[in-house]
Amino acid sequence: MHGPEESAPERVNAFSDGVFAIVITIMVLELKKPEEPTFGALFHLWPTWISYAVSYLFIAIVWVNHHYLLKYAKGASFRLIWGNFAHLFSVSLIPILTVWIAESKLAAVPVALYAGVFMLVNVTYLVLAWECLGVRRPTAAAVRTRKLLHIRSFFTISLFFLAMVVSFWFPYLGLGLICCCLGLYLRPEIPGKPGY
């Protein structure tokens, strides 16, 4: 029988895929249909569509980056497993904030907490990156990749924090900053990495 250090990360990846699918399903089930069969009623739900679109895009980006990052994992260590659980926990908070933003029509506190959750997702992603990219016996390529990932993560964490603070006074601007942050993760490969 293999210990956690010797086991492959495929089970971690498979479990994570299931959680991501459930989170998206929950968001879909929370979508409200228009009360009347008119375009006006559909437009009235614009906060719902905006919050859902941003959340769906964010979860898609997180999944792609998570999938890419776990390719570097040599095994499923205890730290990787619990770091992954922390990452999935932060992702699981997205549906409730998505609904709150929609129902409050982008009010300040929901948008600020929304940015806070995105920041938490990024922090837990850093924990995974630290474990997956050879923290104990890293190769030269892993060291360089980890450095670039950390630079990007710290930059986006700072932007998410700024979005959280700004949202208390200007929630629309805060949501705009959140969307700008997402653009930095559309492609998981870091510029300059061999094979990019």
N, C-alpha and C. Protein backbone atom coordinates (compact mmCIF):
# COMPACT_ATOMS: atom_id res chain seq x y z
N MET A 1 0.85 -1.20 0.00
CA MET A 1 0.00 0.00 0.00
C MET A 1 0.88 1.24 0.00
N HIS A 2 0.56 2.19 -0.84
CA HIS A 2 1.35 3.40 -0.96
C HIS A 2 0.88 4.45 0.03
N GLY A 3 1.83 5.19 0.59
CA GLY A 3 1.50 6.29 1.49
C GLY A 3 1.12 7.52 0.70
N PRO A 4 0.66 8.58 1.38
CA PRO A 4 0.26 9.80 0.71
C PRO A 4 1.37 10.40 -0.13
N GLU A 5 2.65 10.28 0.34
CA GLU A 5 3.74 10.88 -0.40
C GLU A 5 3.97 10.16 -1.72
N GLU A 6 3.60 8.83 -1.78
CA GLU A 6 3.90 8.04 -2.95
C GLU A 6 2.73 7.97 -3.92
N SER A 7 1.55 8.35 -3.46
CA SER A 7 0.37 8.23 -4.30
C SER A 7 0.36 9.30 -5.38
N ALA A 8 -0.25 8.96 -6.49
CA ALA A 8 -0.31 9.89 -7.61
C ALA A 8 -1.36 10.96 -7.34
N PRO A 9 -1.18 12.15 -7.95
CA PRO A 9 -2.13 13.25 -7.71
C PRO A 9 -3.41 13.15 -8.53
N GLU A 10 -3.56 12.05 -9.30
CA GLU A 10 -4.75 11.93 -10.15
C GLU A 10 -6.05 11.94 -9.35
N ARG A 11 -6.02 11.31 -8.17
CA ARG A 11 -7.24 11.28 -7.34
C ARG A 11 -7.58 12.68 -6.84
N VAL A 12 -6.55 13.45 -6.50
CA VAL A 12 -6.77 14.84 -6.07
C VAL A 12 -7.40 15.62 -7.21
N ASN A 13 -6.88 15.41 -8.41
CA ASN A 13 -7.39 16.11 -9.58
C ASN A 13 -8.83 15.70 -9.87
N ALA A 14 -9.12 14.40 -9.79
CA ALA A 14 -10.47 13.91 -10.07
C ALA A 14 -11.48 14.44 -9.05
N PHE A 15 -11.10 14.42 -7.78
CA PHE A 15 -11.98 14.95 -6.74
C PHE A 15 -12.24 16.44 -6.97
N SER A 16 -11.19 17.16 -7.31
CA SER A 16 -11.31 18.60 -7.55
C SER A 16 -12.24 18.88 -8.72
N ASP A 17 -12.13 18.09 -9.79
CA ASP A 17 -13.01 18.27 -10.94
C ASP A 17 -14.47 18.13 -10.52
N GLY A 18 -14.75 17.16 -9.64
CA GLY A 18 -16.11 16.98 -9.16
C GLY A 18 -16.62 18.18 -8.38
N VAL A 19 -15.75 18.75 -7.55
CA VAL A 19 -16.14 19.93 -6.76
C VAL A 19 -16.41 21.12 -7.67
N PHE A 20 -15.53 21.34 -8.65
CA PHE A 20 -15.75 22.44 -9.59
C PHE A 20 -17.08 22.27 -10.32
N ALA A 21 -17.40 21.05 -10.74
CA ALA A 21 -18.66 20.79 -11.44
C ALA A 21 -19.86 21.07 -10.53
N ILE A 22 -19.77 20.68 -9.27
CA ILE A 22 -20.86 20.92 -8.32
C ILE A 22 -21.05 22.42 -8.08
N VAL A 23 -19.95 23.16 -7.94
CA VAL A 23 -20.03 24.60 -7.71
C VAL A 23 -20.74 25.29 -8.88
N ILE A 24 -20.38 24.91 -10.11
CA ILE A 24 -21.03 25.50 -11.28
C ILE A 24 -22.51 25.11 -11.32
N THR A 25 -22.81 23.87 -10.99
CA THR A 25 -24.21 23.41 -10.97
C THR A 25 -25.04 24.21 -9.98
N ILE A 26 -24.47 24.45 -8.80
CA ILE A 26 -25.17 25.24 -7.78
C ILE A 26 -25.46 26.64 -8.31
N MET A 27 -24.48 27.24 -8.99
CA MET A 27 -24.69 28.59 -9.53
C MET A 27 -25.81 28.60 -10.56
N VAL A 28 -25.84 27.58 -11.41
CA VAL A 28 -26.88 27.50 -12.44
C VAL A 28 -28.26 27.36 -11.79
N LEU A 29 -28.35 26.53 -10.77
CA LEU A 29 -29.63 26.31 -10.09
C LEU A 29 -30.13 27.56 -9.37
N GLU A 30 -29.20 28.45 -9.03
CA GLU A 30 -29.57 29.68 -8.33
C GLU A 30 -30.02 30.79 -9.29
N LEU A 31 -29.85 30.56 -10.60
CA LEU A 31 -30.26 31.58 -11.57
C LEU A 31 -31.78 31.77 -11.52
N LYS A 32 -32.19 33.02 -11.54
CA LYS A 32 -33.62 33.33 -11.53
C LYS A 32 -34.12 33.55 -12.95
N LYS A 33 -35.28 33.00 -13.24
CA LYS A 33 -35.86 33.23 -14.55
C LYS A 33 -36.69 34.52 -14.51
N PRO A 34 -36.85 35.18 -15.66
CA PRO A 34 -37.67 36.41 -15.71
C PRO A 34 -39.10 36.12 -15.28
N GLU A 35 -39.71 37.09 -14.61
CA GLU A 35 -41.08 36.91 -14.13
C GLU A 35 -42.10 37.00 -15.26
N GLU A 36 -41.71 37.68 -16.35
CA GLU A 36 -42.61 37.82 -17.49
C GLU A 36 -41.86 37.44 -18.77
N PRO A 37 -42.57 37.00 -19.81
CA PRO A 37 -41.93 36.61 -21.07
C PRO A 37 -41.62 37.81 -21.95
N THR A 38 -40.85 38.76 -21.43
CA THR A 38 -40.50 39.96 -22.18
C THR A 38 -39.01 40.24 -22.05
N PHE A 39 -38.48 40.99 -23.03
CA PHE A 39 -37.07 41.38 -22.96
C PHE A 39 -36.83 42.32 -21.79
N GLY A 40 -37.86 43.11 -21.47
CA GLY A 40 -37.73 44.02 -20.34
C GLY A 40 -37.51 43.27 -19.03
N ALA A 41 -38.26 42.19 -18.86
CA ALA A 41 -38.10 41.37 -17.65
C ALA A 41 -36.73 40.70 -17.62
N LEU A 42 -36.25 40.33 -18.81
CA LEU A 42 -34.92 39.73 -18.91
C LEU A 42 -33.84 40.74 -18.57
N PHE A 43 -33.99 41.96 -19.08
CA PHE A 43 -33.02 43.01 -18.81
C PHE A 43 -33.03 43.40 -17.33
N HIS A 44 -34.18 43.28 -16.70
CA HIS A 44 -34.29 43.63 -15.28
C HIS A 44 -33.38 42.76 -14.42
N LEU A 45 -33.03 41.59 -14.93
CA LEU A 45 -32.16 40.67 -14.19
C LEU A 45 -30.68 40.85 -14.55
N TRP A 46 -30.31 42.02 -15.09
CA TRP A 46 -28.92 42.23 -15.52
C TRP A 46 -27.90 41.96 -14.42
N PRO A 47 -28.17 42.27 -13.13
CA PRO A 47 -27.15 41.94 -12.12
C PRO A 47 -26.90 40.44 -12.01
N THR A 48 -27.96 39.66 -12.24
CA THR A 48 -27.82 38.20 -12.18
C THR A 48 -26.91 37.70 -13.29
N TRP A 49 -27.13 38.22 -14.50
CA TRP A 49 -26.33 37.75 -15.64
C TRP A 49 -24.88 38.19 -15.51
N ILE A 50 -24.66 39.40 -15.04
CA ILE A 50 -23.28 39.89 -14.88
C ILE A 50 -22.54 39.09 -13.82
N SER A 51 -23.17 38.92 -12.66
CA SER A 51 -22.51 38.19 -11.58
C SER A 51 -22.27 36.73 -11.96
N TYR A 52 -23.23 36.13 -12.66
CA TYR A 52 -23.06 34.74 -13.08
C TYR A 52 -21.94 34.61 -14.10
N ALA A 53 -21.90 35.53 -15.07
CA ALA A 53 -20.87 35.47 -16.12
C ALA A 53 -19.47 35.63 -15.53
N VAL A 54 -19.30 36.59 -14.62
CA VAL A 54 -18.00 36.81 -13.99
C VAL A 54 -17.59 35.60 -13.16
N SER A 55 -18.54 35.07 -12.39
CA SER A 55 -18.24 33.91 -11.54
C SER A 55 -17.92 32.67 -12.37
N TYR A 56 -18.68 32.46 -13.44
CA TYR A 56 -18.43 31.30 -14.29
C TYR A 56 -17.06 31.40 -14.94
N LEU A 57 -16.73 32.60 -15.44
CA LEU A 57 -15.41 32.80 -16.06
C LEU A 57 -14.31 32.57 -15.04
N PHE A 58 -14.52 33.07 -13.82
CA PHE A 58 -13.50 32.91 -12.78
C PHE A 58 -13.29 31.44 -12.45
N ILE A 59 -14.38 30.69 -12.29
CA ILE A 59 -14.26 29.27 -11.96
C ILE A 59 -13.59 28.51 -13.10
N ALA A 60 -13.93 28.88 -14.34
CA ALA A 60 -13.28 28.24 -15.50
C ALA A 60 -11.78 28.50 -15.48
N ILE A 61 -11.39 29.75 -15.19
CA ILE A 61 -9.97 30.10 -15.13
C ILE A 61 -9.28 29.36 -14.00
N VAL A 62 -9.94 29.30 -12.85
CA VAL A 62 -9.36 28.59 -11.70
C VAL A 62 -9.17 27.11 -12.03
N TRP A 63 -10.16 26.51 -12.70
CA TRP A 63 -10.05 25.09 -13.04
C TRP A 63 -8.89 24.85 -14.01
N VAL A 64 -8.78 25.68 -15.04
CA VAL A 64 -7.70 25.52 -16.02
C VAL A 64 -6.34 25.65 -15.34
N ASN A 65 -6.17 26.66 -14.50
CA ASN A 65 -4.90 26.87 -13.81
C ASN A 65 -4.62 25.75 -12.81
N HIS A 66 -5.67 25.29 -12.13
CA HIS A 66 -5.54 24.18 -11.18
C HIS A 66 -5.09 22.91 -11.91
N HIS A 67 -5.73 22.63 -13.04
CA HIS A 67 -5.39 21.46 -13.85
C HIS A 67 -3.94 21.55 -14.33
N TYR A 68 -3.55 22.72 -14.78
CA TYR A 68 -2.18 22.94 -15.27
C TYR A 68 -1.18 22.78 -14.14
N LEU A 69 -1.49 23.34 -12.98
CA LEU A 69 -0.55 23.32 -11.85
C LEU A 69 -0.31 21.91 -11.33
N LEU A 70 -1.37 21.10 -11.25
CA LEU A 70 -1.22 19.75 -10.70
C LEU A 70 -0.38 18.84 -11.59
N LYS A 71 -0.14 19.25 -12.84
CA LYS A 71 0.75 18.47 -13.70
C LYS A 71 2.17 18.47 -13.17
N TYR A 72 2.51 19.48 -12.37
CA TYR A 72 3.85 19.57 -11.80
C TYR A 72 4.00 18.71 -10.54
N ALA A 73 2.88 18.28 -9.96
CA ALA A 73 2.94 17.54 -8.70
C ALA A 73 3.56 16.16 -8.91
N LYS A 74 4.53 15.82 -8.08
CA LYS A 74 5.18 14.51 -8.15
C LYS A 74 4.39 13.47 -7.36
N GLY A 75 3.61 13.90 -6.41
CA GLY A 75 2.82 13.00 -5.59
C GLY A 75 1.79 13.79 -4.81
N ALA A 76 0.93 13.07 -4.10
CA ALA A 76 -0.13 13.73 -3.32
C ALA A 76 0.28 13.76 -1.85
N SER A 77 1.10 14.73 -1.49
CA SER A 77 1.55 14.86 -0.10
C SER A 77 0.40 15.38 0.76
N PHE A 78 0.56 15.27 2.08
CA PHE A 78 -0.46 15.80 2.99
C PHE A 78 -0.64 17.30 2.78
N ARG A 79 0.47 18.00 2.56
CA ARG A 79 0.38 19.45 2.36
C ARG A 79 -0.36 19.78 1.08
N LEU A 80 -0.11 19.00 0.04
CA LEU A 80 -0.82 19.25 -1.22
C LEU A 80 -2.31 18.95 -1.06
N ILE A 81 -2.64 17.84 -0.39
CA ILE A 81 -4.04 17.48 -0.21
C ILE A 81 -4.80 18.54 0.58
N TRP A 82 -4.23 18.98 1.71
CA TRP A 82 -4.93 19.97 2.53
C TRP A 82 -4.88 21.36 1.90
N GLY A 83 -3.81 21.66 1.17
CA GLY A 83 -3.78 22.91 0.42
C GLY A 83 -4.85 22.93 -0.64
N ASN A 84 -5.08 21.77 -1.27
CA ASN A 84 -6.12 21.66 -2.28
C ASN A 84 -7.50 21.81 -1.67
N PHE A 85 -7.71 21.20 -0.48
CA PHE A 85 -9.00 21.37 0.21
C PHE A 85 -9.26 22.84 0.54
N ALA A 86 -8.22 23.56 0.97
CA ALA A 86 -8.36 24.99 1.27
C ALA A 86 -8.72 25.76 0.01
N HIS A 87 -8.09 25.39 -1.10
CA HIS A 87 -8.37 26.04 -2.38
C HIS A 87 -9.82 25.79 -2.80
N LEU A 88 -10.26 24.56 -2.68
CA LEU A 88 -11.64 24.22 -3.06
C LEU A 88 -12.65 24.88 -2.13
N PHE A 89 -12.31 25.02 -0.85
CA PHE A 89 -13.20 25.70 0.08
C PHE A 89 -13.43 27.14 -0.36
N SER A 90 -12.36 27.82 -0.73
CA SER A 90 -12.49 29.22 -1.16
C SER A 90 -13.32 29.31 -2.43
N VAL A 91 -13.14 28.36 -3.34
CA VAL A 91 -13.94 28.34 -4.58
C VAL A 91 -15.41 28.09 -4.27
N SER A 92 -15.69 27.24 -3.27
CA SER A 92 -17.07 26.90 -2.94
C SER A 92 -17.86 28.07 -2.37
N LEU A 93 -17.17 29.14 -1.98
CA LEU A 93 -17.85 30.33 -1.45
C LEU A 93 -18.41 31.22 -2.56
N ILE A 94 -17.98 30.97 -3.79
CA ILE A 94 -18.36 31.85 -4.90
C ILE A 94 -19.86 31.87 -5.17
N PRO A 95 -20.57 30.73 -5.18
CA PRO A 95 -22.01 30.77 -5.49
C PRO A 95 -22.83 31.68 -4.58
N ILE A 96 -22.59 31.63 -3.27
CA ILE A 96 -23.39 32.46 -2.36
C ILE A 96 -23.12 33.94 -2.59
N LEU A 97 -21.86 34.30 -2.88
CA LEU A 97 -21.56 35.71 -3.16
C LEU A 97 -22.15 36.13 -4.50
N THR A 98 -22.19 35.20 -5.45
CA THR A 98 -22.78 35.49 -6.76
C THR A 98 -24.25 35.85 -6.62
N VAL A 99 -24.97 35.07 -5.83
CA VAL A 99 -26.40 35.33 -5.60
C VAL A 99 -26.59 36.64 -4.85
N TRP A 100 -25.75 36.88 -3.85
CA TRP A 100 -25.87 38.10 -3.04
C TRP A 100 -25.64 39.34 -3.89
N ILE A 101 -24.65 39.29 -4.75
CA ILE A 101 -24.37 40.42 -5.64
C ILE A 101 -25.58 40.69 -6.53
N ALA A 102 -26.14 39.63 -7.09
CA ALA A 102 -27.28 39.78 -7.99
C ALA A 102 -28.49 40.36 -7.27
N GLU A 103 -28.81 39.81 -6.10
CA GLU A 103 -29.99 40.27 -5.37
C GLU A 103 -29.83 41.68 -4.83
N SER A 104 -28.60 42.08 -4.53
CA SER A 104 -28.36 43.43 -4.01
C SER A 104 -28.10 44.44 -5.12
N LYS A 105 -28.09 43.96 -6.38
CA LYS A 105 -27.80 44.80 -7.54
C LYS A 105 -26.46 45.51 -7.40
N LEU A 106 -25.42 44.71 -7.14
CA LEU A 106 -24.04 45.17 -7.04
C LEU A 106 -23.85 46.18 -5.92
N ALA A 107 -24.38 45.87 -4.76
CA ALA A 107 -24.18 46.73 -3.59
C ALA A 107 -22.74 46.63 -3.10
N ALA A 108 -22.33 47.60 -2.30
CA ALA A 108 -20.92 47.74 -1.91
C ALA A 108 -20.38 46.53 -1.14
N VAL A 109 -21.04 46.14 -0.07
CA VAL A 109 -20.52 45.06 0.78
C VAL A 109 -20.44 43.72 0.04
N PRO A 110 -21.48 43.30 -0.69
CA PRO A 110 -21.36 42.04 -1.43
C PRO A 110 -20.22 42.04 -2.44
N VAL A 111 -20.05 43.14 -3.17
CA VAL A 111 -18.96 43.20 -4.15
C VAL A 111 -17.60 43.17 -3.46
N ALA A 112 -17.49 43.87 -2.32
CA ALA A 112 -16.23 43.87 -1.57
C ALA A 112 -15.89 42.47 -1.08
N LEU A 113 -16.87 41.75 -0.55
CA LEU A 113 -16.62 40.38 -0.09
C LEU A 113 -16.35 39.45 -1.26
N TYR A 114 -16.97 39.73 -2.39
CA TYR A 114 -16.72 38.97 -3.62
C TYR A 114 -15.25 39.07 -4.00
N ALA A 115 -14.71 40.29 -3.96
CA ALA A 115 -13.29 40.49 -4.24
C ALA A 115 -12.43 39.79 -3.20
N GLY A 116 -12.90 39.81 -1.94
CA GLY A 116 -12.17 39.14 -0.87
C GLY A 116 -12.08 37.64 -1.09
N VAL A 117 -13.16 37.04 -1.58
CA VAL A 117 -13.15 35.60 -1.87
C VAL A 117 -12.19 35.30 -3.02
N PHE A 118 -12.21 36.15 -4.04
CA PHE A 118 -11.28 35.97 -5.16
C PHE A 118 -9.84 36.04 -4.67
N MET A 119 -9.59 36.96 -3.74
CA MET A 119 -8.25 37.09 -3.18
C MET A 119 -7.88 35.82 -2.41
N LEU A 120 -8.83 35.27 -1.66
CA LEU A 120 -8.59 34.04 -0.91
C LEU A 120 -8.29 32.87 -1.85
N VAL A 121 -9.02 32.80 -2.95
CA VAL A 121 -8.75 31.75 -3.94
C VAL A 121 -7.32 31.86 -4.45
N ASN A 122 -6.88 33.10 -4.67
CA ASN A 122 -5.52 33.31 -5.18
C ASN A 122 -4.47 32.93 -4.15
N VAL A 123 -4.73 33.25 -2.89
CA VAL A 123 -3.78 32.91 -1.82
C VAL A 123 -3.63 31.39 -1.70
N THR A 124 -4.75 30.68 -1.73
CA THR A 124 -4.69 29.22 -1.62
C THR A 124 -4.06 28.60 -2.86
N TYR A 125 -4.20 29.27 -4.00
CA TYR A 125 -3.53 28.81 -5.22
C TYR A 125 -2.01 28.91 -5.05
N LEU A 126 -1.57 29.95 -4.38
CA LEU A 126 -0.14 30.11 -4.10
C LEU A 126 0.38 28.95 -3.25
N VAL A 127 -0.42 28.53 -2.27
CA VAL A 127 -0.03 27.40 -1.43
C VAL A 127 0.15 26.15 -2.28
N LEU A 128 -0.78 25.92 -3.20
CA LEU A 128 -0.68 24.77 -4.10
C LEU A 128 0.55 24.89 -4.99
N ALA A 129 0.80 26.09 -5.51
CA ALA A 129 1.95 26.30 -6.38
C ALA A 129 3.24 26.00 -5.64
N TRP A 130 3.32 26.42 -4.39
CA TRP A 130 4.51 26.19 -3.58
C TRP A 130 4.77 24.70 -3.41
N GLU A 131 3.71 23.93 -3.24
CA GLU A 131 3.86 22.48 -3.03
C GLU A 131 4.10 21.73 -4.34
N CYS A 132 3.41 22.15 -5.40
CA CYS A 132 3.50 21.41 -6.67
C CYS A 132 4.81 21.64 -7.41
N LEU A 133 5.40 22.81 -7.25
CA LEU A 133 6.56 23.16 -8.06
C LEU A 133 7.88 22.84 -7.36
N GLY A 134 7.96 21.71 -6.71
CA GLY A 134 9.22 21.23 -6.19
C GLY A 134 9.81 22.06 -5.09
N VAL A 135 9.06 22.28 -4.00
CA VAL A 135 9.54 23.13 -2.93
C VAL A 135 10.74 22.52 -2.21
N ARG A 136 10.82 21.18 -2.16
CA ARG A 136 11.91 20.56 -1.41
C ARG A 136 13.16 20.32 -2.27
N ARG A 137 12.98 19.75 -3.47
CA ARG A 137 14.10 19.51 -4.36
C ARG A 137 13.74 20.04 -5.74
N PRO A 138 13.60 21.33 -5.87
CA PRO A 138 13.13 21.89 -7.14
C PRO A 138 14.19 21.82 -8.23
N THR A 139 13.73 21.62 -9.45
CA THR A 139 14.62 21.72 -10.60
C THR A 139 14.77 23.20 -10.96
N ALA A 140 15.73 23.49 -11.83
CA ALA A 140 15.95 24.89 -12.23
C ALA A 140 14.71 25.44 -12.94
N ALA A 141 14.08 24.59 -13.78
CA ALA A 141 12.87 25.03 -14.49
C ALA A 141 11.73 25.29 -13.52
N ALA A 142 11.62 24.41 -12.50
CA ALA A 142 10.55 24.59 -11.52
C ALA A 142 10.75 25.85 -10.70
N VAL A 143 11.99 26.15 -10.36
CA VAL A 143 12.29 27.37 -9.60
C VAL A 143 11.88 28.60 -10.39
N ARG A 144 12.21 28.61 -11.68
CA ARG A 144 11.88 29.76 -12.53
C ARG A 144 10.36 29.88 -12.71
N THR A 145 9.71 28.75 -12.96
CA THR A 145 8.26 28.77 -13.14
C THR A 145 7.56 29.22 -11.87
N ARG A 146 8.04 28.71 -10.72
CA ARG A 146 7.44 29.09 -9.44
C ARG A 146 7.60 30.58 -9.19
N LYS A 147 8.77 31.11 -9.53
CA LYS A 147 9.01 32.54 -9.33
C LYS A 147 8.04 33.38 -10.16
N LEU A 148 7.86 32.99 -11.42
CA LEU A 148 6.95 33.73 -12.30
C LEU A 148 5.50 33.61 -11.82
N LEU A 149 5.11 32.40 -11.37
CA LEU A 149 3.77 32.22 -10.84
C LEU A 149 3.53 33.08 -9.61
N HIS A 150 4.54 33.14 -8.75
CA HIS A 150 4.41 33.93 -7.52
C HIS A 150 4.31 35.42 -7.82
N ILE A 151 5.09 35.89 -8.79
CA ILE A 151 5.02 37.30 -9.17
C ILE A 151 3.62 37.64 -9.65
N ARG A 152 3.08 36.80 -10.54
CA ARG A 152 1.74 37.04 -11.06
C ARG A 152 0.70 36.96 -9.95
N SER A 153 0.83 35.97 -9.07
CA SER A 153 -0.14 35.80 -7.99
C SER A 153 -0.12 36.97 -7.02
N PHE A 154 1.07 37.41 -6.62
CA PHE A 154 1.16 38.53 -5.68
C PHE A 154 0.60 39.81 -6.31
N PHE A 155 0.82 39.97 -7.61
CA PHE A 155 0.29 41.15 -8.31
C PHE A 155 -1.24 41.12 -8.31
N THR A 156 -1.81 39.96 -8.65
CA THR A 156 -3.28 39.88 -8.70
C THR A 156 -3.90 39.92 -7.30
N ILE A 157 -3.21 39.36 -6.31
CA ILE A 157 -3.70 39.46 -4.93
C ILE A 157 -3.79 40.92 -4.52
N SER A 158 -2.78 41.70 -4.90
CA SER A 158 -2.79 43.14 -4.59
C SER A 158 -3.95 43.83 -5.29
N LEU A 159 -4.22 43.45 -6.55
CA LEU A 159 -5.32 44.06 -7.29
C LEU A 159 -6.67 43.66 -6.69
N PHE A 160 -6.81 42.40 -6.28
CA PHE A 160 -8.06 41.97 -5.64
C PHE A 160 -8.27 42.71 -4.31
N PHE A 161 -7.18 42.92 -3.58
CA PHE A 161 -7.30 43.67 -2.33
C PHE A 161 -7.72 45.10 -2.61
N LEU A 162 -7.13 45.70 -3.64
CA LEU A 162 -7.52 47.06 -4.03
C LEU A 162 -8.99 47.09 -4.44
N ALA A 163 -9.42 46.08 -5.20
CA ALA A 163 -10.82 46.00 -5.62
C ALA A 163 -11.75 45.89 -4.42
N MET A 164 -11.33 45.12 -3.42
CA MET A 164 -12.14 44.96 -2.21
C MET A 164 -12.30 46.29 -1.49
N VAL A 165 -11.21 47.04 -1.35
CA VAL A 165 -11.27 48.33 -0.65
C VAL A 165 -12.09 49.34 -1.45
N VAL A 166 -11.83 49.41 -2.76
CA VAL A 166 -12.52 50.37 -3.62
C VAL A 166 -14.03 50.09 -3.65
N SER A 167 -14.40 48.82 -3.57
CA SER A 167 -15.81 48.43 -3.68
C SER A 167 -16.69 49.01 -2.58
N PHE A 168 -16.11 49.32 -1.44
CA PHE A 168 -16.90 49.90 -0.35
C PHE A 168 -17.46 51.27 -0.73
N TRP A 169 -16.77 51.96 -1.65
CA TRP A 169 -17.23 53.29 -2.10
C TRP A 169 -17.72 53.26 -3.55
N PHE A 170 -17.04 52.46 -4.38
CA PHE A 170 -17.38 52.40 -5.81
C PHE A 170 -17.47 50.93 -6.24
N PRO A 171 -18.59 50.27 -5.95
CA PRO A 171 -18.70 48.83 -6.25
C PRO A 171 -18.56 48.48 -7.73
N TYR A 172 -19.05 49.36 -8.61
CA TYR A 172 -18.94 49.08 -10.05
C TYR A 172 -17.47 49.08 -10.47
N LEU A 173 -16.72 50.04 -9.94
CA LEU A 173 -15.29 50.11 -10.24
C LEU A 173 -14.57 48.89 -9.66
N GLY A 174 -14.98 48.49 -8.46
CA GLY A 174 -14.39 47.30 -7.84
C GLY A 174 -14.60 46.06 -8.69
N LEU A 175 -15.82 45.91 -9.23
CA LEU A 175 -16.11 44.77 -10.09
C LEU A 175 -15.28 44.84 -11.37
N GLY A 176 -15.08 46.06 -11.87
CA GLY A 176 -14.24 46.24 -13.05
C GLY A 176 -12.81 45.80 -12.81
N LEU A 177 -12.27 46.12 -11.63
CA LEU A 177 -10.92 45.69 -11.27
C LEU A 177 -10.84 44.17 -11.17
N ILE A 178 -11.89 43.56 -10.64
CA ILE A 178 -11.94 42.10 -10.56
C ILE A 178 -11.84 41.49 -11.96
N CYS A 179 -12.60 42.04 -12.89
CA CYS A 179 -12.57 41.54 -14.27
C CYS A 179 -11.20 41.71 -14.90
N CYS A 180 -10.52 42.81 -14.60
CA CYS A 180 -9.17 43.03 -15.12
C CYS A 180 -8.21 41.97 -14.60
N CYS A 181 -8.36 41.60 -13.34
CA CYS A 181 -7.51 40.56 -12.74
C CYS A 181 -7.69 39.23 -13.45
N LEU A 182 -8.93 38.93 -13.83
CA LEU A 182 -9.20 37.64 -14.46
C LEU A 182 -8.44 37.50 -15.77
N GLY A 183 -8.25 38.61 -16.47
CA GLY A 183 -7.53 38.56 -17.74
C GLY A 183 -6.11 38.07 -17.61
N LEU A 184 -5.51 38.26 -16.44
CA LEU A 184 -4.12 37.83 -16.24
C LEU A 184 -3.99 36.32 -16.11
N TYR A 185 -5.11 35.63 -15.93
CA TYR A 185 -5.07 34.17 -15.74
C TYR A 185 -5.75 33.40 -16.87
N LEU A 186 -6.10 34.09 -17.95
CA LEU A 186 -6.80 33.41 -19.04
C LEU A 186 -5.97 32.28 -19.63
N ARG A 187 -4.64 32.47 -19.61
CA ARG A 187 -3.76 31.41 -20.08
C ARG A 187 -2.84 31.01 -18.94
N PRO A 188 -2.83 29.74 -18.55
CA PRO A 188 -2.05 29.34 -17.38
C PRO A 188 -0.55 29.39 -17.58
N GLU A 189 -0.08 29.14 -18.82
CA GLU A 189 1.36 29.17 -19.05
C GLU A 189 1.89 30.57 -18.82
N ILE A 190 3.03 30.65 -18.17
CA ILE A 190 3.64 31.93 -17.89
C ILE A 190 4.51 32.35 -19.06
N PRO A 191 4.39 33.60 -19.57
CA PRO A 191 5.26 34.05 -20.65
C PRO A 191 6.72 33.83 -20.28
N GLY A 192 7.47 33.30 -21.23
CA GLY A 192 8.89 33.06 -20.99
C GLY A 192 9.17 31.63 -20.60
N LYS A 193 8.13 30.88 -20.25
CA LYS A 193 8.33 29.47 -19.90
C LYS A 193 8.55 28.69 -21.19
N PRO A 194 9.52 27.75 -21.22
CA PRO A 194 9.74 26.96 -22.41
C PRO A 194 8.46 26.28 -22.86
N GLY A 195 8.19 26.38 -24.16
CA GLY A 195 7.00 25.74 -24.70
C GLY A 195 5.80 26.67 -24.77
N TYR A 196 5.99 27.93 -24.35
CA TYR A 196 4.86 28.86 -24.37
C TYR A 196 4.52 29.23 -25.80
